[in-house]
Amino acid sequence: MPTDMKRTIAEATQTLLVERHVKRLTVKDIVEECHITRQAFYYHFEGIPELLRWMIDGYFEQVMAAAASQEDGEAGLRCFFVMAVNAAPYMEHGMKSNYGEELKQLLRQCFQRYFALAAERANIYPNCPHSQLKIIQRYHCQAILGMLEEWTEEDTEHLDQIVHTLYHIMTADIPPWNSQS
């Protein structure tokens, strides 16, 4: 039951942000949309930021599962891009709300988690020390977030070429730093 109610609350929130273009999202708006009490909302979530985190985490679990089911790393990256591009309209509406900064931070965290898991599963950087690996992952995460923020229809038309190029940039043989430098 709690997960079903969480889903109901999440769907109401999505409706408010995407279909009704609510700029100032409140708990009152959400409880009215899904016909529950404030107490019911707070039983399931501490507040709107936790709700948004739950929604984004659920979506990224789907992204991770879909990407992991691909035959290779490049196909997994393509799957990631397709799902990110498809989610862009929802994110765009959310970014325009009063929780835009929280959403941006949550997306950054999810992207970093995605790239950390993908790199670990594919053993992409086997010789890199942990400290170097974290920097590489942050770099790729920010680069891809930047690309997605400025994504165009032309980019969608050239998705395969973009993914191919990015995959090769991301998987280049990066030697570990010399510990004496």
C-alpha atoms as a PDB file:
ATOM      1  CA  MET A   1       0.000   0.000   0.000  1.00  0.00           C
ATOM      2  CA  PRO A   2       2.671   2.634   0.836  1.00  0.00           C
ATOM      3  CA  THR A   3       4.396   2.196  -2.536  1.00  0.00           C
ATOM      4  CA  ASP A   4       1.063   2.517  -4.351  1.00  0.00           C
ATOM      5  CA  MET A   5       0.293   5.726  -2.471  1.00  0.00           C
ATOM      6  CA  LYS A   6       3.815   6.973  -3.160  1.00  0.00           C
ATOM      7  CA  ARG A   7       3.202   6.312  -6.840  1.00  0.00           C
ATOM      8  CA  THR A   8      -0.130   8.131  -6.652  1.00  0.00           C
ATOM      9  CA  ILE A   9       1.554  11.145  -5.042  1.00  0.00           C
ATOM     10  CA  ALA A  10       4.344  11.056  -7.638  1.00  0.00           C
ATOM     11  CA  GLU A  11       1.860  10.893 -10.527  1.00  0.00           C
ATOM     12  CA  ALA A  12      -0.056  13.861  -9.085  1.00  0.00           C
ATOM     13  CA  THR A  13       3.190  15.805  -8.825  1.00  0.00           C
ATOM     14  CA  GLN A  14       4.104  14.953 -12.414  1.00  0.00           C
ATOM     15  CA  THR A  15       0.661  16.077 -13.570  1.00  0.00           C
ATOM     16  CA  LEU A  16       1.030  19.385 -11.752  1.00  0.00           C
ATOM     17  CA  LEU A  17       4.491  20.068 -13.159  1.00  0.00           C
ATOM     18  CA  VAL A  18       4.046  18.836 -16.714  1.00  0.00           C
ATOM     19  CA  GLU A  19       0.399  19.205 -17.642  1.00  0.00           C
ATOM     20  CA  ARG A  20      -0.554  22.174 -15.506  1.00  0.00           C
ATOM     21  CA  HIS A  21       2.830  23.935 -15.576  1.00  0.00           C
ATOM     22  CA  VAL A  22       2.724  24.750 -11.866  1.00  0.00           C
ATOM     23  CA  LYS A  23       5.625  27.080 -11.082  1.00  0.00           C
ATOM     24  CA  ARG A  24       5.218  27.125  -7.315  1.00  0.00           C
ATOM     25  CA  LEU A  25       4.675  23.518  -6.264  1.00  0.00           C
ATOM     26  CA  THR A  26       3.240  23.085  -2.762  1.00  0.00           C
ATOM     27  CA  VAL A  27       2.134  20.166  -0.626  1.00  0.00           C
ATOM     28  CA  LYS A  28      -1.360  21.674  -0.707  1.00  0.00           C
ATOM     29  CA  ASP A  29      -1.387  21.426  -4.526  1.00  0.00           C
ATOM     30  CA  ILE A  30      -0.231  17.806  -4.409  1.00  0.00           C
ATOM     31  CA  VAL A  31      -2.716  16.624  -1.765  1.00  0.00           C
ATOM     32  CA  GLU A  32      -5.578  18.336  -3.580  1.00  0.00           C
ATOM     33  CA  GLU A  33      -4.529  16.722  -6.865  1.00  0.00           C
ATOM     34  CA  CYS A  34      -4.466  13.193  -5.435  1.00  0.00           C
ATOM     35  CA  HIS A  35      -7.302  13.702  -2.915  1.00  0.00           C
ATOM     36  CA  ILE A  36      -5.408  12.816   0.235  1.00  0.00           C
ATOM     37  CA  THR A  37      -4.705  14.617   3.490  1.00  0.00           C
ATOM     38  CA  ARG A  38      -1.511  16.477   4.334  1.00  0.00           C
ATOM     39  CA  GLN A  39      -0.915  13.838   6.999  1.00  0.00           C
ATOM     40  CA  ALA A  40      -1.044  11.121   4.338  1.00  0.00           C
ATOM     41  CA  PHE A  41       1.502  13.020   2.254  1.00  0.00           C
ATOM     42  CA  TYR A  42       3.835  13.476   5.235  1.00  0.00           C
ATOM     43  CA  TYR A  43       3.409   9.835   6.212  1.00  0.00           C
ATOM     44  CA  HIS A  44       5.053   8.875   2.913  1.00  0.00           C
ATOM     45  CA  PHE A  45       7.464  11.783   2.381  1.00  0.00           C
ATOM     46  CA  GLU A  46       9.210  14.278   4.652  1.00  0.00           C
ATOM     47  CA  GLY A  47       8.584  16.960   2.051  1.00  0.00           C
ATOM     48  CA  ILE A  48       8.681  17.770  -1.627  1.00  0.00           C
ATOM     49  CA  PRO A  49      12.486  17.382  -1.989  1.00  0.00           C
ATOM     50  CA  GLU A  50      12.260  13.801  -0.685  1.00  0.00           C
ATOM     51  CA  LEU A  51       9.353  13.133  -3.069  1.00  0.00           C
ATOM     52  CA  LEU A  52      11.385  14.445  -6.013  1.00  0.00           C
ATOM     53  CA  ARG A  53      14.352  12.300  -4.961  1.00  0.00           C
ATOM     54  CA  TRP A  54      12.093   9.229  -4.812  1.00  0.00           C
ATOM     55  CA  MET A  55      10.714   9.988  -8.278  1.00  0.00           C
ATOM     56  CA  ILE A  56      14.139  10.533  -9.831  1.00  0.00           C
ATOM     57  CA  ASP A  57      15.640   7.478  -8.111  1.00  0.00           C
ATOM     58  CA  GLY A  58      12.822   5.316  -9.480  1.00  0.00           C
ATOM     59  CA  TYR A  59      13.382   6.593 -12.996  1.00  0.00           C
ATOM     60  CA  PHE A  60      17.133   6.096 -12.793  1.00  0.00           C
ATOM     61  CA  GLU A  61      16.629   2.539 -11.548  1.00  0.00           C
ATOM     62  CA  GLN A  62      14.738   1.924 -14.798  1.00  0.00           C
ATOM     63  CA  VAL A  63      17.517   3.621 -16.778  1.00  0.00           C
ATOM     64  CA  MET A  64      20.197   1.515 -15.074  1.00  0.00           C
ATOM     65  CA  ALA A  65      18.299  -1.719 -15.677  1.00  0.00           C
ATOM     66  CA  ALA A  66      17.693  -0.883 -19.337  1.00  0.00           C
ATOM     67  CA  ALA A  67      21.306   0.216 -19.909  1.00  0.00           C
ATOM     68  CA  ALA A  68      22.712  -2.841 -18.123  1.00  0.00           C
ATOM     69  CA  SER A  69      20.635  -5.143 -20.318  1.00  0.00           C
ATOM     70  CA  GLN A  70      22.383  -3.891 -23.473  1.00  0.00           C
ATOM     71  CA  GLU A  71      25.005  -5.994 -25.236  1.00  0.00           C
ATOM     72  CA  ASP A  72      27.892  -3.588 -24.621  1.00  0.00           C
ATOM     73  CA  GLY A  73      28.850  -0.314 -22.978  1.00  0.00           C
ATOM     74  CA  GLU A  74      28.207   1.849 -26.013  1.00  0.00           C
ATOM     75  CA  ALA A  75      24.688   0.442 -26.410  1.00  0.00           C
ATOM     76  CA  GLY A  76      24.154   1.054 -22.696  1.00  0.00           C
ATOM     77  CA  LEU A  77      25.250   4.681 -23.087  1.00  0.00           C
ATOM     78  CA  ARG A  78      22.891   5.066 -26.057  1.00  0.00           C
ATOM     79  CA  CYS A  79      20.045   3.654 -23.972  1.00  0.00           C
ATOM     80  CA  PHE A  80      20.907   6.155 -21.230  1.00  0.00           C
ATOM     81  CA  PHE A  81      20.809   9.039 -23.723  1.00  0.00           C
ATOM     82  CA  VAL A  82      17.497   7.926 -25.233  1.00  0.00           C
ATOM     83  CA  MET A  83      15.876   7.759 -21.805  1.00  0.00           C
ATOM     84  CA  ALA A  84      17.390  11.117 -20.763  1.00  0.00           C
ATOM     85  CA  VAL A  85      16.187  12.813 -23.956  1.00  0.00           C
ATOM     86  CA  ASN A  86      12.706  11.319 -23.465  1.00  0.00           C
ATOM     87  CA  ALA A  87      12.606  12.583 -19.858  1.00  0.00           C
ATOM     88  CA  ALA A  88      13.807  16.077 -20.825  1.00  0.00           C
ATOM     89  CA  PRO A  89      10.344  17.659 -21.202  1.00  0.00           C
ATOM     90  CA  TYR A  90       9.411  16.524 -17.680  1.00  0.00           C
ATOM     91  CA  MET A  91      12.681  17.772 -16.242  1.00  0.00           C
ATOM     92  CA  GLU A  92      12.319  21.085 -18.064  1.00  0.00           C
ATOM     93  CA  HIS A  93       8.967  21.741 -16.402  1.00  0.00           C
ATOM     94  CA  GLY A  94      10.349  20.704 -13.028  1.00  0.00           C
ATOM     95  CA  MET A  95      13.341  23.010 -13.430  1.00  0.00           C
ATOM     96  CA  LYS A  96      10.977  25.940 -13.916  1.00  0.00           C
ATOM     97  CA  SER A  97       9.280  25.260 -10.587  1.00  0.00           C
ATOM     98  CA  ASN A  98      10.348  26.524  -7.198  1.00  0.00           C
ATOM     99  CA  TYR A  99      12.240  23.205  -6.767  1.00  0.00           C
ATOM    100  CA  GLY A 100      14.432  23.646  -9.842  1.00  0.00           C
ATOM    101  CA  GLU A 101      17.701  23.857  -7.919  1.00  0.00           C
ATOM    102  CA  GLU A 102      16.874  20.760  -5.865  1.00  0.00           C
ATOM    103  CA  LEU A 103      16.020  18.878  -9.054  1.00  0.00           C
ATOM    104  CA  LYS A 104      19.277  19.933 -10.694  1.00  0.00           C
ATOM    105  CA  GLN A 105      21.271  18.706  -7.674  1.00  0.00           C
ATOM    106  CA  LEU A 106      19.342  15.410  -7.593  1.00  0.00           C
ATOM    107  CA  LEU A 107      19.999  14.874 -11.304  1.00  0.00           C
ATOM    108  CA  ARG A 108      23.709  15.509 -10.802  1.00  0.00           C
ATOM    109  CA  GLN A 109      23.802  12.941  -8.001  1.00  0.00           C
ATOM    110  CA  CYS A 110      21.901  10.375 -10.074  1.00  0.00           C
ATOM    111  CA  PHE A 111      24.133  10.920 -13.103  1.00  0.00           C
ATOM    112  CA  GLN A 112      27.251  10.503 -10.965  1.00  0.00           C
ATOM    113  CA  ARG A 113      25.819   7.316  -9.463  1.00  0.00           C
ATOM    114  CA  TYR A 114      24.963   6.044 -12.959  1.00  0.00           C
ATOM    115  CA  PHE A 115      28.452   6.666 -14.311  1.00  0.00           C
ATOM    116  CA  ALA A 116      30.104   5.191 -11.225  1.00  0.00           C
ATOM    117  CA  LEU A 117      28.044   1.996 -11.542  1.00  0.00           C
ATOM    118  CA  ALA A 118      28.503   1.804 -15.312  1.00  0.00           C
ATOM    119  CA  ALA A 119      32.278   2.250 -15.036  1.00  0.00           C
ATOM    120  CA  GLU A 120      32.444  -0.345 -12.269  1.00  0.00           C
ATOM    121  CA  ARG A 121      30.341  -2.911 -14.166  1.00  0.00           C
ATOM    122  CA  ALA A 122      32.320  -2.465 -17.363  1.00  0.00           C
ATOM    123  CA  ASN A 123      35.646  -2.211 -15.517  1.00  0.00           C
ATOM    124  CA  ILE A 124      36.440   0.798 -17.719  1.00  0.00           C
ATOM    125  CA  TYR A 125      39.223   2.297 -15.602  1.00  0.00           C
ATOM    126  CA  PRO A 126      40.864  -0.719 -13.941  1.00  0.00           C
ATOM    127  CA  ASN A 127      44.210   0.956 -13.237  1.00  0.00           C
ATOM    128  CA  CYS A 128      42.938   4.254 -11.868  1.00  0.00           C
ATOM    129  CA  PRO A 129      43.192   4.985  -8.171  1.00  0.00           C
ATOM    130  CA  HIS A 130      39.862   5.716  -6.515  1.00  0.00           C
ATOM    131  CA  SER A 131      40.614   9.442  -6.157  1.00  0.00           C
ATOM    132  CA  GLN A 132      41.364   9.756  -9.889  1.00  0.00           C
ATOM    133  CA  LEU A 133      38.304   7.703 -10.807  1.00  0.00           C
ATOM    134  CA  LYS A 134      36.022  10.064  -8.875  1.00  0.00           C
ATOM    135  CA  ILE A 135      37.414  13.054 -10.790  1.00  0.00           C
ATOM    136  CA  ILE A 136      36.976  11.294 -14.146  1.00  0.00           C
ATOM    137  CA  GLN A 137      33.392  10.360 -13.289  1.00  0.00           C
ATOM    138  CA  ARG A 138      32.545  13.894 -12.143  1.00  0.00           C
ATOM    139  CA  TYR A 139      34.032  15.264 -15.349  1.00  0.00           C
ATOM    140  CA  HIS A 140      31.995  12.953 -17.591  1.00  0.00           C
ATOM    141  CA  CYS A 141      28.852  13.539 -15.557  1.00  0.00           C
ATOM    142  CA  GLN A 142      29.113  17.322 -15.863  1.00  0.00           C
ATOM    143  CA  ALA A 143      29.987  17.128 -19.551  1.00  0.00           C
ATOM    144  CA  ILE A 144      26.964  14.985 -20.358  1.00  0.00           C
ATOM    145  CA  LEU A 145      24.651  17.075 -18.177  1.00  0.00           C
ATOM    146  CA  GLY A 146      25.857  20.148 -20.077  1.00  0.00           C
ATOM    147  CA  MET A 147      25.189  18.454 -23.406  1.00  0.00           C
ATOM    148  CA  LEU A 148      21.710  17.399 -22.346  1.00  0.00           C
ATOM    149  CA  GLU A 149      20.889  20.907 -21.112  1.00  0.00           C
ATOM    150  CA  GLU A 150      21.608  22.254 -24.596  1.00  0.00           C
ATOM    151  CA  TRP A 151      20.213  19.268 -26.528  1.00  0.00           C
ATOM    152  CA  THR A 152      18.641  20.051 -29.892  1.00  0.00           C
ATOM    153  CA  GLU A 153      16.525  18.256 -32.456  1.00  0.00           C
ATOM    154  CA  GLU A 154      19.636  18.051 -34.624  1.00  0.00           C
ATOM    155  CA  ASP A 155      21.416  16.260 -31.782  1.00  0.00           C
ATOM    156  CA  THR A 156      18.587  13.733 -31.655  1.00  0.00           C
ATOM    157  CA  GLU A 157      19.023  13.131 -35.383  1.00  0.00           C
ATOM    158  CA  HIS A 158      22.743  12.447 -34.781  1.00  0.00           C
ATOM    159  CA  LEU A 159      22.320  10.526 -31.533  1.00  0.00           C
ATOM    160  CA  ASP A 160      24.271   7.447 -32.640  1.00  0.00           C
ATOM    161  CA  GLN A 161      27.246   9.506 -33.784  1.00  0.00           C
ATOM    162  CA  ILE A 162      27.238  11.540 -30.562  1.00  0.00           C
ATOM    163  CA  VAL A 163      27.034   8.430 -28.385  1.00  0.00           C
ATOM    164  CA  HIS A 164      29.802   6.726 -30.379  1.00  0.00           C
ATOM    165  CA  THR A 165      32.096   9.740 -29.978  1.00  0.00           C
ATOM    166  CA  LEU A 166      31.335  10.142 -26.271  1.00  0.00           C
ATOM    167  CA  TYR A 167      31.813   6.449 -25.592  1.00  0.00           C
ATOM    168  CA  HIS A 168      35.279   6.578 -27.119  1.00  0.00           C
ATOM    169  CA  ILE A 169      36.154   9.713 -25.174  1.00  0.00           C
ATOM    170  CA  MET A 170      34.947   8.081 -21.955  1.00  0.00           C
ATOM    171  CA  THR A 171      36.721   4.790 -22.498  1.00  0.00           C
ATOM    172  CA  ALA A 172      40.051   6.137 -23.720  1.00  0.00           C
ATOM    173  CA  ASP A 173      43.009   4.452 -22.090  1.00  0.00           C
ATOM    174  CA  ILE A 174      43.617   6.783 -19.173  1.00  0.00           C
ATOM    175  CA  PRO A 175      46.776   5.813 -17.326  1.00  0.00           C
ATOM    176  CA  PRO A 176      46.869   6.425 -13.588  1.00  0.00           C
ATOM    177  CA  TRP A 177      48.742   9.470 -12.417  1.00  0.00           C
ATOM    178  CA  ASN A 178      52.275   8.963 -11.370  1.00  0.00           C
ATOM    179  CA  SER A 179      52.146   8.968  -7.594  1.00  0.00           C
ATOM    180  CA  GLN A 180      55.318  11.116  -7.535  1.00  0.00           C
ATOM    181  CA  SER A 181      53.777  13.972  -9.570  1.00  0.00           C
END
